[in-house]
Amino acid sequence: MAVRATPEPITVGAAPPPANRGGPTLDLEQQDKNTWCWAACVEMVLKRFSLWPGENEQCQIAEKGLKLAGIIADTASCCPASSNNSVCNRLLPDKFVTDLWETYGVPVRPDFGPFIFDEQAAVEKLLASLNQNHPVELGFADEFSHVVMLFRWERDSDGTLRFLYHNPGPGSGSTESVNSDRIVRSGSRILNATWEILMAG
């Protein structure tokens, strides 16, 4: 798994005032290492629901996931994240993203598509998840790979449907949006994995 490519953003601040919206409340967490988008997404949910206090820092999540996947030794430590130790600056395969959620006791519904053969169905499924106040982790594939956390939909006064997501980085995290007709495919960037978080935020 390579670092996931972020969908082309539309600046949230430049969007017209929405006529209606839906979805859970979720705070942005910036990824602490350039490969830790997956750990940052888990951190967002654990902190939103006050799960595993004292064990929900991003470096702890990364350490747990990488040990679960057998990528680092059981004796390795990923904390503090500010250290120059590159042992833990690693990617996590999609299968183990699912396993990591389950290890934390967070119920998820993974879906690995393909979504490009029925983009409208994929959009409707994301809407249904958000209308149940379920955040959804989205995985995108391109030259690189990246995961973000979808948490809201908004419909502008002109009827345009947009999805809002927290992009944990790398560099600096941001809240971005994309029109619904570009959520599945935008150029060479393709949605190839989703993890619906089965907890209402």
C-alpha atoms as a PDB file:
ATOM      1  CA  MET A   1       0.000   0.000   0.000  1.00  0.00           C
ATOM      2  CA  ALA A   2       1.436   3.367  -0.992  1.00  0.00           C
ATOM      3  CA  VAL A   3       0.586   6.783   0.425  1.00  0.00           C
ATOM      4  CA  ARG A   4      -2.951   7.492  -0.730  1.00  0.00           C
ATOM      5  CA  ALA A   5      -3.675  10.297  -3.197  1.00  0.00           C
ATOM      6  CA  THR A   6      -6.028  12.993  -1.966  1.00  0.00           C
ATOM      7  CA  PRO A   7      -9.035  13.884  -4.165  1.00  0.00           C
ATOM      8  CA  GLU A   8      -8.804  17.307  -5.749  1.00  0.00           C
ATOM      9  CA  PRO A   9     -10.220  19.657  -3.099  1.00  0.00           C
ATOM     10  CA  ILE A  10     -12.706  22.459  -3.417  1.00  0.00           C
ATOM     11  CA  THR A  11     -11.983  25.007  -0.692  1.00  0.00           C
ATOM     12  CA  VAL A  12     -14.741  24.831   1.882  1.00  0.00           C
ATOM     13  CA  GLY A  13     -14.556  28.544   2.611  1.00  0.00           C
ATOM     14  CA  ALA A  14     -15.246  29.416  -1.009  1.00  0.00           C
ATOM     15  CA  ALA A  15     -18.443  27.364  -1.219  1.00  0.00           C
ATOM     16  CA  PRO A  16     -21.853  29.059  -1.170  1.00  0.00           C
ATOM     17  CA  PRO A  17     -23.929  28.736   2.022  1.00  0.00           C
ATOM     18  CA  PRO A  18     -25.538  25.275   2.085  1.00  0.00           C
ATOM     19  CA  ALA A  19     -29.305  24.921   1.981  1.00  0.00           C
ATOM     20  CA  ASN A  20     -29.176  21.692   3.998  1.00  0.00           C
ATOM     21  CA  ARG A  21     -26.673  19.229   5.386  1.00  0.00           C
ATOM     22  CA  GLY A  22     -26.292  16.005   7.299  1.00  0.00           C
ATOM     23  CA  GLY A  23     -23.704  13.879   9.029  1.00  0.00           C
ATOM     24  CA  PRO A  24     -21.915  13.398  12.336  1.00  0.00           C
ATOM     25  CA  THR A  25     -19.726  15.758  14.341  1.00  0.00           C
ATOM     26  CA  LEU A  26     -16.034  14.924  14.009  1.00  0.00           C
ATOM     27  CA  ASP A  27     -12.858  16.885  14.742  1.00  0.00           C
ATOM     28  CA  LEU A  28      -9.849  16.904  12.433  1.00  0.00           C
ATOM     29  CA  GLU A  29      -6.604  15.261  13.527  1.00  0.00           C
ATOM     30  CA  GLN A  30      -3.434  15.895  11.529  1.00  0.00           C
ATOM     31  CA  GLN A  31      -1.246  12.894  10.753  1.00  0.00           C
ATOM     32  CA  ASP A  32       2.052  12.964  12.663  1.00  0.00           C
ATOM     33  CA  LYS A  33       4.057  11.022  10.058  1.00  0.00           C
ATOM     34  CA  ASN A  34       3.766  11.177   6.283  1.00  0.00           C
ATOM     35  CA  THR A  35       2.389   7.614   6.127  1.00  0.00           C
ATOM     36  CA  TRP A  36       0.042   7.789   9.116  1.00  0.00           C
ATOM     37  CA  CYS A  37      -3.183   8.930   7.439  1.00  0.00           C
ATOM     38  CA  TRP A  38      -4.727   5.617   8.529  1.00  0.00           C
ATOM     39  CA  ALA A  39      -3.724   6.161  12.166  1.00  0.00           C
ATOM     40  CA  ALA A  40      -5.021   9.754  12.147  1.00  0.00           C
ATOM     41  CA  CYS A  41      -8.436   8.589  10.916  1.00  0.00           C
ATOM     42  CA  VAL A  42      -8.666   6.049  13.733  1.00  0.00           C
ATOM     43  CA  GLU A  43      -7.597   8.753  16.203  1.00  0.00           C
ATOM     44  CA  MET A  44     -10.437  11.030  15.043  1.00  0.00           C
ATOM     45  CA  VAL A  45     -13.036   8.391  15.862  1.00  0.00           C
ATOM     46  CA  LEU A  46     -11.522   7.174  19.136  1.00  0.00           C
ATOM     47  CA  LYS A  47     -11.350  10.717  20.475  1.00  0.00           C
ATOM     48  CA  ARG A  48     -14.837  11.604  19.196  1.00  0.00           C
ATOM     49  CA  PHE A  49     -16.348   8.756  21.181  1.00  0.00           C
ATOM     50  CA  SER A  50     -13.889   8.998  24.118  1.00  0.00           C
ATOM     51  CA  LEU A  51     -12.678   5.450  23.521  1.00  0.00           C
ATOM     52  CA  TRP A  52      -9.491   4.004  24.983  1.00  0.00           C
ATOM     53  CA  PRO A  53      -8.464   7.135  26.945  1.00  0.00           C
ATOM     54  CA  GLY A  54      -4.733   7.078  27.586  1.00  0.00           C
ATOM     55  CA  GLU A  55      -4.235   4.755  24.626  1.00  0.00           C
ATOM     56  CA  ASN A  56      -5.723   6.787  21.774  1.00  0.00           C
ATOM     57  CA  GLU A  57      -2.767   8.944  20.779  1.00  0.00           C
ATOM     58  CA  GLN A  58      -1.736   8.570  17.160  1.00  0.00           C
ATOM     59  CA  CYS A  59       1.682   7.044  17.865  1.00  0.00           C
ATOM     60  CA  GLN A  60      -0.014   4.414  20.066  1.00  0.00           C
ATOM     61  CA  ILE A  61      -2.529   3.656  17.310  1.00  0.00           C
ATOM     62  CA  ALA A  62       0.243   3.365  14.717  1.00  0.00           C
ATOM     63  CA  GLU A  63       2.232   1.046  16.974  1.00  0.00           C
ATOM     64  CA  LYS A  64      -0.788  -1.187  17.561  1.00  0.00           C
ATOM     65  CA  GLY A  65      -1.643  -1.369  13.849  1.00  0.00           C
ATOM     66  CA  LEU A  66       1.904  -2.079  12.680  1.00  0.00           C
ATOM     67  CA  LYS A  67       2.389  -4.789  15.300  1.00  0.00           C
ATOM     68  CA  LEU A  68      -0.974  -6.288  14.388  1.00  0.00           C
ATOM     69  CA  ALA A  69       0.187  -6.537  10.769  1.00  0.00           C
ATOM     70  CA  GLY A  70       3.584  -7.936  11.750  1.00  0.00           C
ATOM     71  CA  ILE A  71       5.322  -4.965  10.122  1.00  0.00           C
ATOM     72  CA  ILE A  72       7.310  -4.021  13.230  1.00  0.00           C
ATOM     73  CA  ALA A  73       8.623  -6.158  16.083  1.00  0.00           C
ATOM     74  CA  ASP A  74       6.608  -6.571  19.272  1.00  0.00           C
ATOM     75  CA  THR A  75       9.422  -4.799  21.125  1.00  0.00           C
ATOM     76  CA  ALA A  76       9.367  -1.712  18.872  1.00  0.00           C
ATOM     77  CA  SER A  77       8.001   1.605  20.119  1.00  0.00           C
ATOM     78  CA  CYS A  78       6.394   4.321  17.959  1.00  0.00           C
ATOM     79  CA  CYS A  79       6.122   6.930  20.718  1.00  0.00           C
ATOM     80  CA  PRO A  80       6.768   9.751  20.853  1.00  0.00           C
ATOM     81  CA  ALA A  81       5.761  10.546  17.275  1.00  0.00           C
ATOM     82  CA  SER A  82       8.165  13.504  17.254  1.00  0.00           C
ATOM     83  CA  SER A  83      11.181  11.178  17.359  1.00  0.00           C
ATOM     84  CA  ASN A  84      13.291  10.675  14.248  1.00  0.00           C
ATOM     85  CA  ASN A  85      12.761   6.917  14.442  1.00  0.00           C
ATOM     86  CA  SER A  86      11.702   5.813  10.936  1.00  0.00           C
ATOM     87  CA  VAL A  87      10.843   2.232  11.954  1.00  0.00           C
ATOM     88  CA  CYS A  88       7.203   3.170  12.515  1.00  0.00           C
ATOM     89  CA  ASN A  89       6.791   5.531   9.554  1.00  0.00           C
ATOM     90  CA  ARG A  90       5.107   2.752   7.618  1.00  0.00           C
ATOM     91  CA  LEU A  91       1.973   2.053   5.651  1.00  0.00           C
ATOM     92  CA  LEU A  92      -0.816  -0.282   6.758  1.00  0.00           C
ATOM     93  CA  PRO A  93      -2.448  -2.653   4.225  1.00  0.00           C
ATOM     94  CA  ASP A  94      -6.215  -2.279   3.864  1.00  0.00           C
ATOM     95  CA  LYS A  95      -6.946  -5.675   5.447  1.00  0.00           C
ATOM     96  CA  PHE A  96      -5.212  -4.606   8.623  1.00  0.00           C
ATOM     97  CA  VAL A  97      -7.043  -1.263   8.647  1.00  0.00           C
ATOM     98  CA  THR A  98     -10.210  -3.334   9.125  1.00  0.00           C
ATOM     99  CA  ASP A  99      -8.519  -5.468  11.792  1.00  0.00           C
ATOM    100  CA  LEU A 100      -7.268  -2.365  13.620  1.00  0.00           C
ATOM    101  CA  TRP A 101     -10.773  -0.912  13.888  1.00  0.00           C
ATOM    102  CA  GLU A 102     -11.999  -4.226  15.284  1.00  0.00           C
ATOM    103  CA  THR A 103      -9.092  -4.413  17.740  1.00  0.00           C
ATOM    104  CA  TYR A 104     -10.320  -1.143  19.232  1.00  0.00           C
ATOM    105  CA  GLY A 105     -13.856  -2.520  19.435  1.00  0.00           C
ATOM    106  CA  VAL A 106     -15.129  -0.105  16.786  1.00  0.00           C
ATOM    107  CA  PRO A 107     -17.687  -1.839  14.530  1.00  0.00           C
ATOM    108  CA  VAL A 108     -17.032  -1.139  10.860  1.00  0.00           C
ATOM    109  CA  ARG A 109     -18.501  -2.192   7.530  1.00  0.00           C
ATOM    110  CA  PRO A 110     -15.658  -2.421   4.990  1.00  0.00           C
ATOM    111  CA  ASP A 111     -16.326  -2.292   1.256  1.00  0.00           C
ATOM    112  CA  PHE A 112     -13.617  -2.648  -1.373  1.00  0.00           C
ATOM    113  CA  GLY A 113     -15.816  -1.958  -4.386  1.00  0.00           C
ATOM    114  CA  PRO A 114     -15.333  -1.669  -7.248  1.00  0.00           C
ATOM    115  CA  PHE A 115     -17.324   1.560  -7.152  1.00  0.00           C
ATOM    116  CA  ILE A 116     -16.609   2.915 -10.642  1.00  0.00           C
ATOM    117  CA  PHE A 117     -19.216   0.674 -12.311  1.00  0.00           C
ATOM    118  CA  ASP A 118     -22.089   2.317 -10.444  1.00  0.00           C
ATOM    119  CA  GLU A 119     -20.990   5.696  -9.136  1.00  0.00           C
ATOM    120  CA  GLN A 120     -24.525   6.813  -8.302  1.00  0.00           C
ATOM    121  CA  ALA A 121     -25.040   3.780  -6.064  1.00  0.00           C
ATOM    122  CA  ALA A 122     -21.790   4.599  -4.270  1.00  0.00           C
ATOM    123  CA  VAL A 123     -22.928   8.200  -3.713  1.00  0.00           C
ATOM    124  CA  GLU A 124     -26.284   7.029  -2.366  1.00  0.00           C
ATOM    125  CA  LYS A 125     -24.568   4.586  -0.001  1.00  0.00           C
ATOM    126  CA  LEU A 126     -22.330   7.336   1.388  1.00  0.00           C
ATOM    127  CA  LEU A 127     -25.358   9.580   1.866  1.00  0.00           C
ATOM    128  CA  ALA A 128     -27.198   6.810   3.710  1.00  0.00           C
ATOM    129  CA  SER A 129     -24.240   6.300   6.045  1.00  0.00           C
ATOM    130  CA  LEU A 130     -23.967  10.003   6.838  1.00  0.00           C
ATOM    131  CA  ASN A 131     -27.717  10.261   7.389  1.00  0.00           C
ATOM    132  CA  GLN A 132     -27.279   7.667  10.136  1.00  0.00           C
ATOM    133  CA  ASN A 133     -24.527   9.920  11.556  1.00  0.00           C
ATOM    134  CA  HIS A 134     -21.896   7.312  10.670  1.00  0.00           C
ATOM    135  CA  PRO A 135     -18.502   8.704   9.613  1.00  0.00           C
ATOM    136  CA  VAL A 136     -16.866   6.843   6.723  1.00  0.00           C
ATOM    137  CA  GLU A 137     -13.161   6.337   6.116  1.00  0.00           C
ATOM    138  CA  LEU A 138     -12.466   6.653   2.390  1.00  0.00           C
ATOM    139  CA  GLY A 139      -9.488   5.132   0.579  1.00  0.00           C
ATOM    140  CA  PHE A 140      -8.343   6.563  -2.747  1.00  0.00           C
ATOM    141  CA  ALA A 141      -5.886   5.039  -5.215  1.00  0.00           C
ATOM    142  CA  ASP A 142      -3.827   6.909  -7.777  1.00  0.00           C
ATOM    143  CA  GLU A 143      -0.083   7.093  -8.309  1.00  0.00           C
ATOM    144  CA  PHE A 144      -0.125   7.160  -4.516  1.00  0.00           C
ATOM    145  CA  SER A 145      -2.756   6.165  -1.962  1.00  0.00           C
ATOM    146  CA  HIS A 146      -4.415   8.069   0.877  1.00  0.00           C
ATOM    147  CA  VAL A 147      -7.272   7.779   3.360  1.00  0.00           C
ATOM    148  CA  VAL A 148      -9.530  10.571   4.600  1.00  0.00           C
ATOM    149  CA  MET A 149     -12.524  10.710   6.936  1.00  0.00           C
ATOM    150  CA  LEU A 150     -15.894  11.615   5.409  1.00  0.00           C
ATOM    151  CA  PHE A 151     -18.228  13.230   7.924  1.00  0.00           C
ATOM    152  CA  ARG A 152     -20.801  15.452   6.215  1.00  0.00           C
ATOM    153  CA  TRP A 153     -22.822  16.148   3.101  1.00  0.00           C
ATOM    154  CA  GLU A 154     -24.130  19.565   2.097  1.00  0.00           C
ATOM    155  CA  ARG A 155     -26.513  20.604  -0.628  1.00  0.00           C
ATOM    156  CA  ASP A 156     -26.112  24.158  -1.883  1.00  0.00           C
ATOM    157  CA  SER A 157     -29.039  26.395  -2.751  1.00  0.00           C
ATOM    158  CA  ASP A 158     -28.467  25.578  -6.438  1.00  0.00           C
ATOM    159  CA  GLY A 159     -28.886  21.846  -5.695  1.00  0.00           C
ATOM    160  CA  THR A 160     -25.199  20.912  -5.890  1.00  0.00           C
ATOM    161  CA  LEU A 161     -24.373  18.032  -3.540  1.00  0.00           C
ATOM    162  CA  ARG A 162     -20.968  18.130  -1.890  1.00  0.00           C
ATOM    163  CA  PHE A 163     -19.171  15.776   0.486  1.00  0.00           C
ATOM    164  CA  LEU A 164     -16.962  17.144   3.268  1.00  0.00           C
ATOM    165  CA  TYR A 165     -14.047  15.165   4.632  1.00  0.00           C
ATOM    166  CA  HIS A 166     -11.135  15.627   7.006  1.00  0.00           C
ATOM    167  CA  ASN A 167      -7.834  15.179   5.197  1.00  0.00           C
ATOM    168  CA  PRO A 168      -5.195  14.431   7.861  1.00  0.00           C
ATOM    169  CA  GLY A 169      -2.252  15.457   5.688  1.00  0.00           C
ATOM    170  CA  PRO A 170       0.609  14.942   5.214  1.00  0.00           C
ATOM    171  CA  GLY A 171       2.079  18.342   6.004  1.00  0.00           C
ATOM    172  CA  SER A 172      -0.955  19.992   7.539  1.00  0.00           C
ATOM    173  CA  GLY A 173      -4.435  18.589   7.944  1.00  0.00           C
ATOM    174  CA  SER A 174      -7.422  20.338   6.418  1.00  0.00           C
ATOM    175  CA  THR A 175     -11.168  20.066   5.971  1.00  0.00           C
ATOM    176  CA  GLU A 176     -12.004  19.864   2.282  1.00  0.00           C
ATOM    177  CA  SER A 177     -14.975  19.177   0.066  1.00  0.00           C
ATOM    178  CA  VAL A 178     -15.641  17.582  -3.279  1.00  0.00           C
ATOM    179  CA  ASN A 179     -18.713  17.576  -5.499  1.00  0.00           C
ATOM    180  CA  SER A 180     -20.580  14.284  -5.336  1.00  0.00           C
ATOM    181  CA  ASP A 181     -19.951  13.552  -9.021  1.00  0.00           C
ATOM    182  CA  ARG A 182     -16.198  13.521  -8.274  1.00  0.00           C
ATOM    183  CA  ILE A 183     -16.172  11.477  -5.073  1.00  0.00           C
ATOM    184  CA  VAL A 184     -15.735   8.129  -6.853  1.00  0.00           C
ATOM    185  CA  ARG A 185     -13.525   9.203  -9.726  1.00  0.00           C
ATOM    186  CA  SER A 186     -11.631  12.384 -10.523  1.00  0.00           C
ATOM    187  CA  GLY A 187      -9.054  11.991 -13.261  1.00  0.00           C
ATOM    188  CA  SER A 188      -6.836   9.037 -12.359  1.00  0.00           C
ATOM    189  CA  ARG A 189      -7.861   9.183  -8.686  1.00  0.00           C
ATOM    190  CA  ILE A 190     -10.377   6.431  -7.850  1.00  0.00           C
ATOM    191  CA  LEU A 191     -12.257   5.529  -4.676  1.00  0.00           C
ATOM    192  CA  ASN A 192     -11.293   1.924  -3.939  1.00  0.00           C
ATOM    193  CA  ALA A 193     -12.162   1.333  -0.267  1.00  0.00           C
ATOM    194  CA  THR A 194     -14.613   2.501   2.380  1.00  0.00           C
ATOM    195  CA  TRP A 195     -14.985   1.704   6.066  1.00  0.00           C
ATOM    196  CA  GLU A 196     -18.343   2.777   7.466  1.00  0.00           C
ATOM    197  CA  ILE A 197     -18.032   3.414  11.207  1.00  0.00           C
ATOM    198  CA  LEU A 198     -21.154   1.849  12.712  1.00  0.00           C
ATOM    199  CA  MET A 199     -21.362   4.334  15.578  1.00  0.00           C
ATOM    200  CA  ALA A 200     -23.512   7.465  15.484  1.00  0.00           C
ATOM    201  CA  GLY A 201     -21.548  10.648  16.032  1.00  0.00           C
END
